[in-house]
Amino acid sequence: MAIDWESFESDLDERIDSAGERTDARLAEKMSSITRMTDEEIQELLPDPADAKKLTDLMKIVKSADDRNTKVNMIVANAEDFGGVLVTLLEKFT
């Protein structure tokens, strides 16, 4: 299933901007719709909506049609932004 990243990011940005607890719940719901995580897992792992946005940016790179080396280079170029999210995800899996 192809993901329309522009539409997804636009919707995600809109949800982030509205803030508050209700938004956090809606944001987790949106994120869980394209991952194998539940709404509750998203909220627990990424309580800060900005981190959910960073995860979306990272997923966009990983799911792109670019070759592996290009993906790695894009991730490295944004390592400072993705660092916290990557640590959070890896802690969950280890």
C-alpha atoms as a PDB file:
ATOM      1  CA  MET A   1       0.000   0.000   0.000  1.00  0.00           C
ATOM      2  CA  ALA A   2       1.519   3.298  -1.081  1.00  0.00           C
ATOM      3  CA  ILE A   3       1.361   6.117   1.428  1.00  0.00           C
ATOM      4  CA  ASP A   4       0.620   9.641   0.233  1.00  0.00           C
ATOM      5  CA  TRP A   5       3.270  11.337   2.379  1.00  0.00           C
ATOM      6  CA  GLU A   6       2.287  14.891   1.476  1.00  0.00           C
ATOM      7  CA  SER A   7      -1.283  14.296   2.515  1.00  0.00           C
ATOM      8  CA  PHE A   8      -0.189  12.393   5.603  1.00  0.00           C
ATOM      9  CA  GLU A   9       2.283  15.095   6.677  1.00  0.00           C
ATOM     10  CA  SER A  10      -0.229  17.857   6.024  1.00  0.00           C
ATOM     11  CA  ASP A  11      -2.783  16.091   8.188  1.00  0.00           C
ATOM     12  CA  LEU A  12      -0.171  15.378  10.860  1.00  0.00           C
ATOM     13  CA  ASP A  13       1.018  19.014  10.927  1.00  0.00           C
ATOM     14  CA  GLU A  14      -2.559  20.150  11.331  1.00  0.00           C
ATOM     15  CA  ARG A  15      -3.054  17.787  14.268  1.00  0.00           C
ATOM     16  CA  ILE A  16       0.197  18.871  15.922  1.00  0.00           C
ATOM     17  CA  ASP A  17      -0.781  22.538  15.668  1.00  0.00           C
ATOM     18  CA  SER A  18      -4.059  22.018  17.510  1.00  0.00           C
ATOM     19  CA  ALA A  19      -2.154  20.655  20.588  1.00  0.00           C
ATOM     20  CA  GLY A  20      -3.678  19.518  23.892  1.00  0.00           C
ATOM     21  CA  GLU A  21      -4.535  16.091  25.245  1.00  0.00           C
ATOM     22  CA  ARG A  22      -7.289  15.506  22.725  1.00  0.00           C
ATOM     23  CA  THR A  23      -4.831  16.212  19.916  1.00  0.00           C
ATOM     24  CA  ASP A  24      -2.299  13.831  21.436  1.00  0.00           C
ATOM     25  CA  ALA A  25      -4.909  11.073  21.313  1.00  0.00           C
ATOM     26  CA  ARG A  26      -5.817  11.908  17.700  1.00  0.00           C
ATOM     27  CA  LEU A  27      -2.147  12.064  16.740  1.00  0.00           C
ATOM     28  CA  ALA A  28      -1.517   8.628  18.248  1.00  0.00           C
ATOM     29  CA  GLU A  29      -4.507   7.308  16.327  1.00  0.00           C
ATOM     30  CA  LYS A  30      -3.123   8.701  13.057  1.00  0.00           C
ATOM     31  CA  MET A  31       0.358   7.284  13.706  1.00  0.00           C
ATOM     32  CA  SER A  32      -0.981   3.869  14.700  1.00  0.00           C
ATOM     33  CA  SER A  33      -2.894   3.732  11.410  1.00  0.00           C
ATOM     34  CA  ILE A  34       0.380   3.358   9.479  1.00  0.00           C
ATOM     35  CA  THR A  35       2.411   1.379  12.026  1.00  0.00           C
ATOM     36  CA  ARG A  36       2.016  -1.848  13.927  1.00  0.00           C
ATOM     37  CA  MET A  37       1.783   0.087  17.183  1.00  0.00           C
ATOM     38  CA  THR A  38      -1.431   0.822  19.042  1.00  0.00           C
ATOM     39  CA  ASP A  39      -2.640   4.304  19.943  1.00  0.00           C
ATOM     40  CA  GLU A  40      -1.558   3.671  23.530  1.00  0.00           C
ATOM     41  CA  GLU A  41       1.944   2.560  22.498  1.00  0.00           C
ATOM     42  CA  ILE A  42       2.391   5.678  20.366  1.00  0.00           C
ATOM     43  CA  GLN A  43       1.311   7.938  23.232  1.00  0.00           C
ATOM     44  CA  GLU A  44       3.589   6.100  25.668  1.00  0.00           C
ATOM     45  CA  LEU A  45       6.622   6.103  23.361  1.00  0.00           C
ATOM     46  CA  LEU A  46       6.198   9.590  21.911  1.00  0.00           C
ATOM     47  CA  PRO A  47       4.344  11.804  24.391  1.00  0.00           C
ATOM     48  CA  ASP A  48       5.702  14.918  22.650  1.00  0.00           C
ATOM     49  CA  PRO A  49       3.821  15.560  19.370  1.00  0.00           C
ATOM     50  CA  ALA A  50       7.028  16.917  17.820  1.00  0.00           C
ATOM     51  CA  ASP A  51       8.616  13.469  18.239  1.00  0.00           C
ATOM     52  CA  ALA A  52       5.691  11.913  16.375  1.00  0.00           C
ATOM     53  CA  LYS A  53       6.424  14.330  13.518  1.00  0.00           C
ATOM     54  CA  LYS A  54      10.084  13.291  13.552  1.00  0.00           C
ATOM     55  CA  LEU A  55       9.032   9.633  13.420  1.00  0.00           C
ATOM     56  CA  THR A  56       6.886  10.439  10.383  1.00  0.00           C
ATOM     57  CA  ASP A  57       9.839  12.109   8.670  1.00  0.00           C
ATOM     58  CA  LEU A  58      12.014   9.079   9.418  1.00  0.00           C
ATOM     59  CA  MET A  59       9.352   6.649   8.159  1.00  0.00           C
ATOM     60  CA  LYS A  60       8.983   8.696   4.982  1.00  0.00           C
ATOM     61  CA  ILE A  61      12.687   8.198   4.260  1.00  0.00           C
ATOM     62  CA  VAL A  62      12.636   4.485   5.087  1.00  0.00           C
ATOM     63  CA  LYS A  63       9.559   3.813   2.929  1.00  0.00           C
ATOM     64  CA  SER A  64      10.772   5.919  -0.012  1.00  0.00           C
ATOM     65  CA  ALA A  65      11.709   4.358  -3.346  1.00  0.00           C
ATOM     66  CA  ASP A  66      15.295   5.579  -2.949  1.00  0.00           C
ATOM     67  CA  ASP A  67      18.092   3.028  -2.777  1.00  0.00           C
ATOM     68  CA  ARG A  68      19.474   1.944   0.587  1.00  0.00           C
ATOM     69  CA  ASN A  69      22.575   4.168   0.415  1.00  0.00           C
ATOM     70  CA  THR A  70      20.473   7.246  -0.323  1.00  0.00           C
ATOM     71  CA  LYS A  71      18.185   6.420   2.607  1.00  0.00           C
ATOM     72  CA  VAL A  72      21.155   5.965   4.934  1.00  0.00           C
ATOM     73  CA  ASN A  73      22.648   9.266   3.782  1.00  0.00           C
ATOM     74  CA  MET A  74      19.344  11.079   4.346  1.00  0.00           C
ATOM     75  CA  ILE A  75      19.035   9.603   7.832  1.00  0.00           C
ATOM     76  CA  VAL A  76      22.639  10.519   8.672  1.00  0.00           C
ATOM     77  CA  ALA A  77      22.080  14.056   7.387  1.00  0.00           C
ATOM     78  CA  ASN A  78      19.160  14.356   9.804  1.00  0.00           C
ATOM     79  CA  ALA A  79      20.680  12.301  12.634  1.00  0.00           C
ATOM     80  CA  GLU A  80      20.428  15.139  15.127  1.00  0.00           C
ATOM     81  CA  ASP A  81      16.682  15.407  14.523  1.00  0.00           C
ATOM     82  CA  PHE A  82      16.069  11.642  14.481  1.00  0.00           C
ATOM     83  CA  GLY A  83      18.402  10.725  17.359  1.00  0.00           C
ATOM     84  CA  GLY A  84      15.863  10.896  20.175  1.00  0.00           C
ATOM     85  CA  VAL A  85      13.195   9.023  18.245  1.00  0.00           C
ATOM     86  CA  LEU A  86      15.670   6.318  17.211  1.00  0.00           C
ATOM     87  CA  VAL A  87      16.803   5.832  20.814  1.00  0.00           C
ATOM     88  CA  THR A  88      13.180   5.588  21.959  1.00  0.00           C
ATOM     89  CA  LEU A  89      12.348   2.992  19.302  1.00  0.00           C
ATOM     90  CA  LEU A  90      15.470   0.939  19.914  1.00  0.00           C
ATOM     91  CA  GLU A  91      14.852   0.927  23.649  1.00  0.00           C
ATOM     92  CA  LYS A  92      11.408  -0.529  22.934  1.00  0.00           C
ATOM     93  CA  PHE A  93      12.894  -3.358  20.858  1.00  0.00           C
ATOM     94  CA  THR A  94      15.820  -4.260  23.141  1.00  0.00           C
END
